Amino acid sequence: MGESLIQVMPLIFQKIRIGSCLFLLLSAVPMWLATEGIAPQIVQAYTARVDLSLNRLPEENYESILTRAQTVARTAVQRSLDKDILVTDVSVIVSVQNQGTIVPVLEIAVSRQQWRNRPDPQRWATYFRTARSLLFLDMRQNRKNSPTNEAGTANPAVSSQPANPSPQGTQQPENSQQSLPVPVPPPQKR
């Protein structure tokens, strides 16, 4: 009996290996289907990043630059979302070039859902505060508002003599004894 048991043992081990392999295969497939049904794989979504550059046009002021930048950024966001359905977020940075200086003026960072609900570039834009001064637009406007114009004559809108300290945007009359400030009219836009 001992010899017959030794001859039968390899057959038993072989059947056990086949049985365990079948059990593993038959249990793994339903387990995989169950996990995919409960928690499907995440779609590979990504952020589209767009960098745009505008050249400042002659005699263009900062407000018109911002208007152009908003229009270009709005178009770039919409095109990025329309071009690829896997894009979930869009980041657009608009820079302006003036006299060799390139300065970012605004950034729009928005998700597809946010843009679908409210496609307004002003709502999602971040404006860079120092852009105006870095583009040297303050200096040009200060020159236009200086006490002398191009002909070298005094500009009547701005007094050439310093006034007593007063609130910003107002001047004290020189010969007046009242302490009420007189408003200075804003510069005329062309």
Protein backbone atom coordinates (compact mmCIF):
# COMPACT_ATOMS: atom_id res chain seq x y z
CA MET A 1 0.00 0.00 0.00
CA GLY A 2 2.88 2.36 0.63
CA GLU A 3 4.07 2.03 -2.95
CA SER A 4 0.67 2.69 -4.44
CA LEU A 5 0.28 5.80 -2.31
CA ILE A 6 3.61 7.12 -3.60
CA GLN A 7 2.49 6.57 -7.20
CA VAL A 8 -0.89 8.30 -6.58
CA MET A 9 0.58 11.38 -4.80
CA PRO A 10 1.91 13.08 -7.95
CA LEU A 11 -1.53 12.72 -9.55
CA ILE A 12 -3.20 14.27 -6.50
CA PHE A 13 -0.72 17.20 -6.48
CA GLN A 14 -1.28 17.75 -10.19
CA LYS A 15 -5.08 17.86 -9.73
CA ILE A 16 -4.71 20.24 -6.80
CA ARG A 17 -2.57 22.63 -8.91
CA ILE A 18 -5.07 22.59 -11.78
CA GLY A 19 -7.96 23.12 -9.36
CA SER A 20 -6.28 26.08 -7.63
CA CYS A 21 -5.40 27.67 -10.97
CA LEU A 22 -8.98 27.32 -12.19
CA PHE A 23 -10.25 28.78 -8.91
CA LEU A 24 -7.91 31.78 -9.18
CA LEU A 25 -8.83 32.43 -12.81
CA LEU A 26 -12.56 32.06 -12.26
CA SER A 27 -12.54 34.32 -9.19
CA ALA A 28 -10.21 37.00 -10.62
CA VAL A 29 -12.36 37.90 -13.63
CA PRO A 30 -15.53 38.63 -11.61
CA MET A 31 -13.46 40.56 -9.06
CA TRP A 32 -11.97 42.72 -11.83
CA LEU A 33 -15.42 43.36 -13.32
CA ALA A 34 -16.81 44.30 -9.91
CA THR A 35 -14.01 46.79 -9.19
CA GLU A 36 -14.36 48.41 -12.62
CA GLY A 37 -18.11 48.66 -12.14
CA ILE A 38 -17.79 50.28 -8.72
CA ALA A 39 -14.81 52.55 -9.39
CA PRO A 40 -14.04 52.96 -13.10
CA GLN A 41 -10.66 54.24 -14.17
CA ILE A 42 -10.27 57.99 -14.20
CA VAL A 43 -10.15 59.60 -17.62
CA GLN A 44 -6.79 61.20 -18.33
CA ALA A 45 -7.81 64.87 -18.32
CA TYR A 46 -5.35 67.75 -18.37
CA THR A 47 -4.90 71.51 -18.30
CA ALA A 48 -4.32 73.41 -21.52
CA ARG A 49 -1.82 76.23 -21.14
CA VAL A 50 -1.77 79.08 -23.66
CA ASP A 51 0.69 81.98 -23.69
CA LEU A 52 -0.24 84.90 -25.95
CA SER A 53 1.66 88.06 -26.79
CA LEU A 54 0.24 91.34 -28.06
CA ASN A 55 2.15 94.29 -29.47
CA ARG A 56 1.07 97.69 -28.18
CA LEU A 57 -0.30 99.84 -30.97
CA PRO A 58 0.81 103.48 -31.30
CA GLU A 59 -1.25 105.87 -29.17
CA GLU A 60 -2.99 102.94 -27.44
CA ASN A 61 -3.76 103.51 -23.78
CA TYR A 62 -3.75 100.91 -21.02
CA GLU A 63 -7.53 100.46 -20.94
CA SER A 64 -7.68 99.61 -24.64
CA ILE A 65 -4.78 97.19 -24.18
CA LEU A 66 -6.76 95.43 -21.43
CA THR A 67 -9.85 95.28 -23.64
CA ARG A 68 -7.83 93.67 -26.44
CA ALA A 69 -6.18 91.28 -23.98
CA GLN A 70 -9.57 90.19 -22.59
CA THR A 71 -10.92 89.58 -26.09
CA VAL A 72 -7.90 87.54 -27.12
CA ALA A 73 -7.94 85.57 -23.85
CA ARG A 74 -11.67 84.81 -24.19
CA THR A 75 -11.11 83.48 -27.71
CA ALA A 76 -8.13 81.38 -26.58
CA VAL A 77 -10.09 79.79 -23.71
CA GLN A 78 -13.02 78.94 -25.95
CA ARG A 79 -10.80 77.48 -28.68
CA SER A 80 -8.83 75.39 -26.19
CA LEU A 81 -12.00 73.88 -24.75
CA ASP A 82 -13.54 73.31 -28.20
CA LYS A 83 -10.38 71.77 -29.65
CA ASP A 84 -9.91 68.96 -27.13
CA ILE A 85 -12.69 67.33 -25.09
CA LEU A 86 -10.21 65.94 -22.55
CA VAL A 87 -9.16 69.44 -21.43
CA THR A 88 -10.73 70.14 -18.05
CA ASP A 89 -8.88 73.35 -17.16
CA VAL A 90 -7.46 76.18 -19.25
CA SER A 91 -4.80 78.68 -18.27
CA VAL A 92 -4.22 81.66 -20.57
CA ILE A 93 -1.57 84.32 -19.95
CA VAL A 94 -1.65 87.44 -22.14
CA SER A 95 1.52 89.51 -22.32
CA VAL A 96 1.97 92.89 -24.00
CA GLN A 97 5.11 94.15 -25.69
CA ASN A 98 5.94 97.86 -25.56
CA GLN A 99 9.31 99.38 -26.45
CA GLY A 100 11.08 96.03 -26.12
CA THR A 101 9.52 95.22 -22.75
CA ILE A 102 7.22 92.19 -22.49
CA VAL A 103 4.91 92.22 -19.48
CA PRO A 104 2.04 89.88 -18.56
CA VAL A 105 -1.15 91.92 -18.12
CA LEU A 106 -3.71 89.23 -17.32
CA GLU A 107 -4.17 85.55 -16.66
CA ILE A 108 -7.33 83.51 -16.96
CA ALA A 109 -7.45 80.18 -15.13
CA VAL A 110 -10.82 78.49 -15.47
CA SER A 111 -12.31 74.99 -15.55
CA ARG A 112 -14.57 73.73 -18.30
CA GLN A 113 -17.59 73.70 -15.97
CA GLN A 114 -16.94 77.26 -14.73
CA TRP A 115 -16.58 78.53 -18.30
CA ARG A 116 -19.74 76.71 -19.39
CA ASN A 117 -21.71 78.37 -16.57
CA ARG A 118 -20.24 81.85 -17.06
CA PRO A 119 -18.01 82.53 -20.11
CA ASP A 120 -16.94 85.99 -18.95
CA PRO A 121 -13.19 86.73 -19.08
CA GLN A 122 -13.48 89.52 -16.51
CA ARG A 123 -14.92 87.08 -13.97
CA TRP A 124 -12.03 84.62 -14.20
CA ALA A 125 -9.15 86.99 -15.00
CA THR A 126 -6.32 87.96 -12.69
CA TYR A 127 -4.91 91.37 -13.58
CA PHE A 128 -1.28 92.14 -12.83
CA ARG A 129 -1.08 95.46 -10.95
CA THR A 130 2.40 96.51 -12.01
CA ALA A 131 1.84 95.93 -15.73
CA ARG A 132 0.93 99.56 -16.44
CA SER A 133 4.11 100.95 -14.92
CA LEU A 134 6.31 98.20 -16.36
CA LEU A 135 4.99 99.01 -19.84
CA PHE A 136 6.01 102.65 -19.27
CA LEU A 137 2.46 103.85 -19.84
CA ASP A 138 2.42 105.98 -16.67
CA MET A 139 5.43 107.98 -17.84
CA ARG A 140 3.87 108.74 -21.21
CA GLN A 141 0.62 109.89 -19.61
CA ASN A 142 2.53 112.02 -17.09
CA ARG A 143 4.35 113.76 -19.94
CA LYS A 144 1.02 114.59 -21.59
CA ASN A 145 -0.23 116.07 -18.32
CA SER A 146 2.93 118.05 -17.61
CA PRO A 147 2.75 121.85 -17.03
CA THR A 148 4.12 122.53 -20.52
CA ASN A 149 2.79 121.15 -23.75
CA GLU A 150 4.70 120.44 -26.97
CA ALA A 151 4.98 124.14 -27.87
CA GLY A 152 6.62 124.91 -24.52
CA THR A 153 3.75 127.06 -23.24
CA ALA A 154 2.04 126.57 -19.93
CA ASN A 155 -0.84 124.17 -19.85
CA PRO A 156 -3.84 125.97 -18.34
CA ALA A 157 -5.36 122.76 -16.92
CA VAL A 158 -2.44 122.25 -14.54
CA SER A 159 -1.01 124.95 -12.33
CA SER A 160 2.73 125.47 -12.60
CA GLN A 161 3.06 126.64 -8.98
CA PRO A 162 2.88 124.18 -6.13
CA ALA A 163 -0.28 124.43 -4.11
CA ASN A 164 -0.73 123.91 -0.40
CA PRO A 165 -1.17 120.27 0.56
CA SER A 166 -4.68 119.20 -0.37
CA PRO A 167 -6.53 115.99 -1.17
CA GLN A 168 -5.31 114.22 -4.28
CA GLY A 169 -6.93 115.46 -7.51
CA THR A 170 -7.76 118.92 -6.10
CA GLN A 171 -5.92 122.23 -5.88
CA GLN A 172 -6.24 125.21 -3.57
CA PRO A 173 -6.77 128.57 -5.29
CA GLU A 174 -3.76 130.82 -4.72
CA ASN A 175 -5.59 133.98 -3.67
CA SER A 176 -8.48 132.37 -1.84
CA GLN A 177 -8.80 132.37 1.91
CA GLN A 178 -11.37 129.62 1.95
CA SER A 179 -10.22 126.15 2.80
CA LEU A 180 -12.49 124.37 0.29
CA PRO A 181 -10.58 122.47 -2.38
CA VAL A 182 -11.24 123.18 -6.06
CA PRO A 183 -11.46 120.03 -8.22
CA VAL A 184 -9.08 119.80 -11.16
CA PRO A 185 -10.82 118.61 -14.35
CA PRO A 186 -9.60 115.25 -15.66
CA PRO A 187 -7.55 115.25 -18.88
CA GLN A 188 -9.58 115.14 -22.08
CA LYS A 189 -9.49 111.85 -24.01
CA ARG A 190 -8.85 112.11 -27.71
